[in-house]
Amino acid sequence: MLILSRKIEEEIKIGDTITIKVLGIHEGQVRIGIDAPKDLKIFRSEIYQLIQKENADAAKVTKSEVESAAQMFKQKKNTVVK
């Protein structure tokens, strides 16, 4: 792990396209700004971990559960069309 010290308004560059800037420090919290390409996904780690868990849980769905959901979708679609 690389550890850097920065003061307010100082920046860190990651490659050619990412800049992290210290915006402020108040009561033990550091506010940072991240300038990165729009197609780059940036998450707080606790949110990223939650997404990973939900994806893993979704991958555990059984074939019968998928078939049941598909059948319910078809039934609902048929009642809406009529």
N, C-alpha and C. Protein backbone atom coordinates (compact mmCIF):
# COMPACT_ATOMS: atom_id res chain seq x y z
N MET A 1 0.84 -1.18 0.00
CA MET A 1 0.00 0.00 0.00
C MET A 1 0.89 1.24 0.00
N LEU A 2 0.57 2.16 -0.86
CA LEU A 2 1.27 3.44 -0.91
C LEU A 2 0.58 4.41 0.03
N ILE A 3 1.33 5.05 0.90
CA ILE A 3 0.76 6.02 1.85
C ILE A 3 1.36 7.38 1.54
N LEU A 4 0.48 8.35 1.29
CA LEU A 4 0.91 9.70 0.96
C LEU A 4 0.26 10.70 1.90
N SER A 5 0.96 11.77 2.21
CA SER A 5 0.39 12.87 2.97
C SER A 5 0.10 14.01 2.02
N ARG A 6 -1.06 14.60 2.16
CA ARG A 6 -1.45 15.73 1.31
C ARG A 6 -2.11 16.78 2.18
N LYS A 7 -1.97 18.01 1.80
CA LYS A 7 -2.65 19.12 2.47
C LYS A 7 -3.85 19.52 1.62
N ILE A 8 -4.71 20.36 2.20
CA ILE A 8 -5.88 20.84 1.47
C ILE A 8 -5.44 21.49 0.15
N GLU A 9 -6.18 21.17 -0.91
CA GLU A 9 -5.95 21.63 -2.28
C GLU A 9 -4.81 20.90 -3.00
N GLU A 10 -4.10 20.00 -2.32
CA GLU A 10 -3.07 19.22 -3.00
C GLU A 10 -3.71 17.99 -3.64
N GLU A 11 -3.05 17.50 -4.68
CA GLU A 11 -3.62 16.42 -5.48
C GLU A 11 -2.70 15.20 -5.55
N ILE A 12 -3.31 14.11 -5.95
CA ILE A 12 -2.61 12.87 -6.26
C ILE A 12 -3.06 12.47 -7.66
N LYS A 13 -2.12 12.10 -8.51
CA LYS A 13 -2.44 11.63 -9.86
C LYS A 13 -2.30 10.12 -9.92
N ILE A 14 -3.27 9.48 -10.57
CA ILE A 14 -3.20 8.04 -10.83
C ILE A 14 -3.27 7.88 -12.34
N GLY A 15 -2.17 7.48 -12.92
CA GLY A 15 -2.10 7.40 -14.38
C GLY A 15 -2.30 8.77 -15.00
N ASP A 16 -2.78 8.77 -16.23
CA ASP A 16 -2.99 10.02 -16.96
C ASP A 16 -4.40 10.58 -16.79
N THR A 17 -5.34 9.78 -16.25
CA THR A 17 -6.73 10.19 -16.30
C THR A 17 -7.42 10.36 -14.95
N ILE A 18 -6.75 10.07 -13.85
CA ILE A 18 -7.40 10.15 -12.55
C ILE A 18 -6.63 11.13 -11.65
N THR A 19 -7.38 12.06 -11.06
CA THR A 19 -6.82 13.01 -10.10
C THR A 19 -7.66 12.96 -8.83
N ILE A 20 -6.99 12.84 -7.70
CA ILE A 20 -7.66 12.88 -6.40
C ILE A 20 -7.17 14.13 -5.69
N LYS A 21 -8.12 14.96 -5.23
CA LYS A 21 -7.77 16.23 -4.60
C LYS A 21 -8.36 16.30 -3.20
N VAL A 22 -7.54 16.72 -2.23
CA VAL A 22 -8.02 16.92 -0.87
C VAL A 22 -8.76 18.27 -0.84
N LEU A 23 -10.06 18.21 -0.55
CA LEU A 23 -10.88 19.42 -0.55
C LEU A 23 -10.99 20.05 0.83
N GLY A 24 -10.95 19.22 1.85
CA GLY A 24 -11.08 19.77 3.20
C GLY A 24 -10.88 18.69 4.25
N ILE A 25 -10.59 19.15 5.45
CA ILE A 25 -10.44 18.26 6.59
C ILE A 25 -11.19 18.92 7.74
N HIS A 26 -12.16 18.18 8.32
CA HIS A 26 -12.99 18.76 9.39
C HIS A 26 -13.41 17.66 10.34
N GLU A 27 -13.08 17.81 11.62
CA GLU A 27 -13.49 16.88 12.68
C GLU A 27 -13.22 15.42 12.33
N GLY A 28 -12.01 15.13 11.88
CA GLY A 28 -11.62 13.76 11.60
C GLY A 28 -12.08 13.21 10.26
N GLN A 29 -12.75 14.02 9.46
CA GLN A 29 -13.17 13.58 8.13
C GLN A 29 -12.38 14.31 7.07
N VAL A 30 -12.02 13.58 6.04
CA VAL A 30 -11.31 14.16 4.90
C VAL A 30 -12.27 14.16 3.73
N ARG A 31 -12.47 15.31 3.12
CA ARG A 31 -13.29 15.41 1.90
C ARG A 31 -12.36 15.38 0.72
N ILE A 32 -12.64 14.47 -0.21
CA ILE A 32 -11.81 14.38 -1.40
C ILE A 32 -12.68 14.54 -2.64
N GLY A 33 -12.06 15.01 -3.70
CA GLY A 33 -12.70 15.07 -5.00
C GLY A 33 -11.94 14.15 -5.94
N ILE A 34 -12.69 13.45 -6.77
CA ILE A 34 -12.06 12.52 -7.71
C ILE A 34 -12.46 12.94 -9.12
N ASP A 35 -11.48 13.23 -9.92
CA ASP A 35 -11.71 13.54 -11.33
C ASP A 35 -11.23 12.33 -12.13
N ALA A 36 -12.19 11.65 -12.77
CA ALA A 36 -11.87 10.42 -13.50
C ALA A 36 -12.81 10.30 -14.69
N PRO A 37 -12.46 9.48 -15.66
CA PRO A 37 -13.36 9.28 -16.80
C PRO A 37 -14.74 8.81 -16.34
N LYS A 38 -15.78 9.25 -17.02
CA LYS A 38 -17.15 8.92 -16.62
C LYS A 38 -17.45 7.43 -16.69
N ASP A 39 -16.74 6.69 -17.53
CA ASP A 39 -17.00 5.25 -17.64
C ASP A 39 -16.31 4.44 -16.53
N LEU A 40 -15.52 5.09 -15.69
CA LEU A 40 -14.86 4.42 -14.58
C LEU A 40 -15.79 4.43 -13.37
N LYS A 41 -16.11 3.26 -12.86
CA LYS A 41 -16.99 3.16 -11.70
C LYS A 41 -16.18 3.38 -10.43
N ILE A 42 -16.68 4.28 -9.57
CA ILE A 42 -16.01 4.59 -8.31
C ILE A 42 -17.02 4.40 -7.19
N PHE A 43 -16.68 3.56 -6.21
CA PHE A 43 -17.58 3.27 -5.10
C PHE A 43 -16.84 3.42 -3.78
N ARG A 44 -17.58 3.77 -2.72
CA ARG A 44 -17.04 3.62 -1.37
C ARG A 44 -16.91 2.12 -1.14
N SER A 45 -15.91 1.70 -0.38
CA SER A 45 -15.63 0.26 -0.23
C SER A 45 -16.81 -0.50 0.36
N GLU A 46 -17.54 0.08 1.31
CA GLU A 46 -18.67 -0.64 1.90
C GLU A 46 -19.79 -0.86 0.88
N ILE A 47 -19.96 0.07 -0.04
CA ILE A 47 -20.96 -0.09 -1.10
C ILE A 47 -20.48 -1.15 -2.10
N TYR A 48 -19.21 -1.11 -2.44
CA TYR A 48 -18.66 -2.10 -3.37
C TYR A 48 -18.80 -3.51 -2.81
N GLN A 49 -18.52 -3.68 -1.54
CA GLN A 49 -18.65 -5.00 -0.91
C GLN A 49 -20.10 -5.48 -0.92
N LEU A 50 -21.05 -4.56 -0.70
CA LEU A 50 -22.46 -4.91 -0.74
C LEU A 50 -22.87 -5.34 -2.15
N ILE A 51 -22.40 -4.63 -3.16
CA ILE A 51 -22.70 -4.99 -4.55
C ILE A 51 -22.14 -6.37 -4.86
N GLN A 52 -20.91 -6.64 -4.44
CA GLN A 52 -20.29 -7.94 -4.68
C GLN A 52 -21.10 -9.06 -4.01
N LYS A 53 -21.56 -8.82 -2.78
CA LYS A 53 -22.36 -9.83 -2.06
C LYS A 53 -23.68 -10.06 -2.78
N GLU A 54 -24.35 -9.00 -3.20
CA GLU A 54 -25.63 -9.14 -3.90
C GLU A 54 -25.44 -9.88 -5.22
N ASN A 55 -24.36 -9.60 -5.92
CA ASN A 55 -24.08 -10.31 -7.17
C ASN A 55 -23.85 -11.80 -6.92
N ALA A 56 -23.11 -12.10 -5.87
CA ALA A 56 -22.86 -13.50 -5.54
C ALA A 56 -24.16 -14.20 -5.15
N ASP A 57 -25.01 -13.53 -4.37
CA ASP A 57 -26.29 -14.10 -3.98
C ASP A 57 -27.18 -14.32 -5.20
N ALA A 58 -27.17 -13.39 -6.13
CA ALA A 58 -27.99 -13.52 -7.34
C ALA A 58 -27.52 -14.68 -8.20
N ALA A 59 -26.25 -14.95 -8.19
CA ALA A 59 -25.70 -16.05 -8.99
C ALA A 59 -26.09 -17.41 -8.42
N LYS A 60 -26.58 -17.44 -7.19
CA LYS A 60 -26.98 -18.69 -6.54
C LYS A 60 -28.42 -19.08 -6.85
N VAL A 61 -29.12 -18.30 -7.64
CA VAL A 61 -30.52 -18.59 -7.96
C VAL A 61 -30.60 -19.91 -8.72
N THR A 62 -31.56 -20.73 -8.34
CA THR A 62 -31.71 -22.04 -8.97
C THR A 62 -32.45 -21.93 -10.30
N LYS A 63 -32.30 -22.95 -11.12
CA LYS A 63 -32.97 -23.00 -12.41
C LYS A 63 -34.49 -22.95 -12.23
N SER A 64 -35.01 -23.66 -11.25
CA SER A 64 -36.46 -23.67 -11.02
C SER A 64 -36.97 -22.29 -10.61
N GLU A 65 -36.17 -21.53 -9.84
CA GLU A 65 -36.57 -20.17 -9.45
C GLU A 65 -36.63 -19.27 -10.68
N VAL A 66 -35.67 -19.42 -11.59
CA VAL A 66 -35.66 -18.62 -12.82
C VAL A 66 -36.86 -18.99 -13.68
N GLU A 67 -37.15 -20.29 -13.81
CA GLU A 67 -38.29 -20.72 -14.61
C GLU A 67 -39.60 -20.22 -14.01
N SER A 68 -39.71 -20.25 -12.70
CA SER A 68 -40.90 -19.75 -12.02
C SER A 68 -41.09 -18.25 -12.26
N ALA A 69 -40.01 -17.50 -12.15
CA ALA A 69 -40.07 -16.06 -12.39
C ALA A 69 -40.44 -15.77 -13.84
N ALA A 70 -39.88 -16.53 -14.77
CA ALA A 70 -40.20 -16.35 -16.19
C ALA A 70 -41.67 -16.63 -16.45
N GLN A 71 -42.20 -17.67 -15.83
CA GLN A 71 -43.62 -18.01 -16.00
C GLN A 71 -44.50 -16.89 -15.46
N MET A 72 -44.16 -16.35 -14.30
CA MET A 72 -44.94 -15.25 -13.73
C MET A 72 -44.87 -14.03 -14.64
N PHE A 73 -43.72 -13.76 -15.22
CA PHE A 73 -43.56 -12.63 -16.12
C PHE A 73 -44.44 -12.81 -17.36
N LYS A 74 -44.45 -14.02 -17.93
CA LYS A 74 -45.28 -14.30 -19.10
C LYS A 74 -46.75 -14.12 -18.79
N GLN A 75 -47.18 -14.61 -17.62
CA GLN A 75 -48.58 -14.47 -17.24
C GLN A 75 -48.97 -13.00 -17.09
N LYS A 76 -48.12 -12.23 -16.46
CA LYS A 76 -48.39 -10.80 -16.24
C LYS A 76 -48.40 -10.08 -17.59
N LYS A 77 -47.47 -10.41 -18.47
CA LYS A 77 -47.40 -9.77 -19.78
C LYS A 77 -48.67 -10.07 -20.58
N ASN A 78 -49.16 -11.29 -20.51
CA ASN A 78 -50.37 -11.66 -21.24
C ASN A 78 -51.60 -10.94 -20.71
N THR A 79 -51.67 -10.69 -19.41
CA THR A 79 -52.83 -9.99 -18.87
C THR A 79 -52.78 -8.51 -19.18
N VAL A 80 -51.62 -7.94 -19.33
CA VAL A 80 -51.49 -6.52 -19.64
C VAL A 80 -51.84 -6.26 -21.10
N VAL A 81 -51.48 -7.17 -21.99
CA VAL A 81 -51.69 -7.00 -23.43
C VAL A 81 -53.16 -7.04 -23.77
N LYS A 82 -53.94 -7.85 -23.08
CA LYS A 82 -55.36 -8.04 -23.42
C LYS A 82 -56.17 -6.83 -23.25
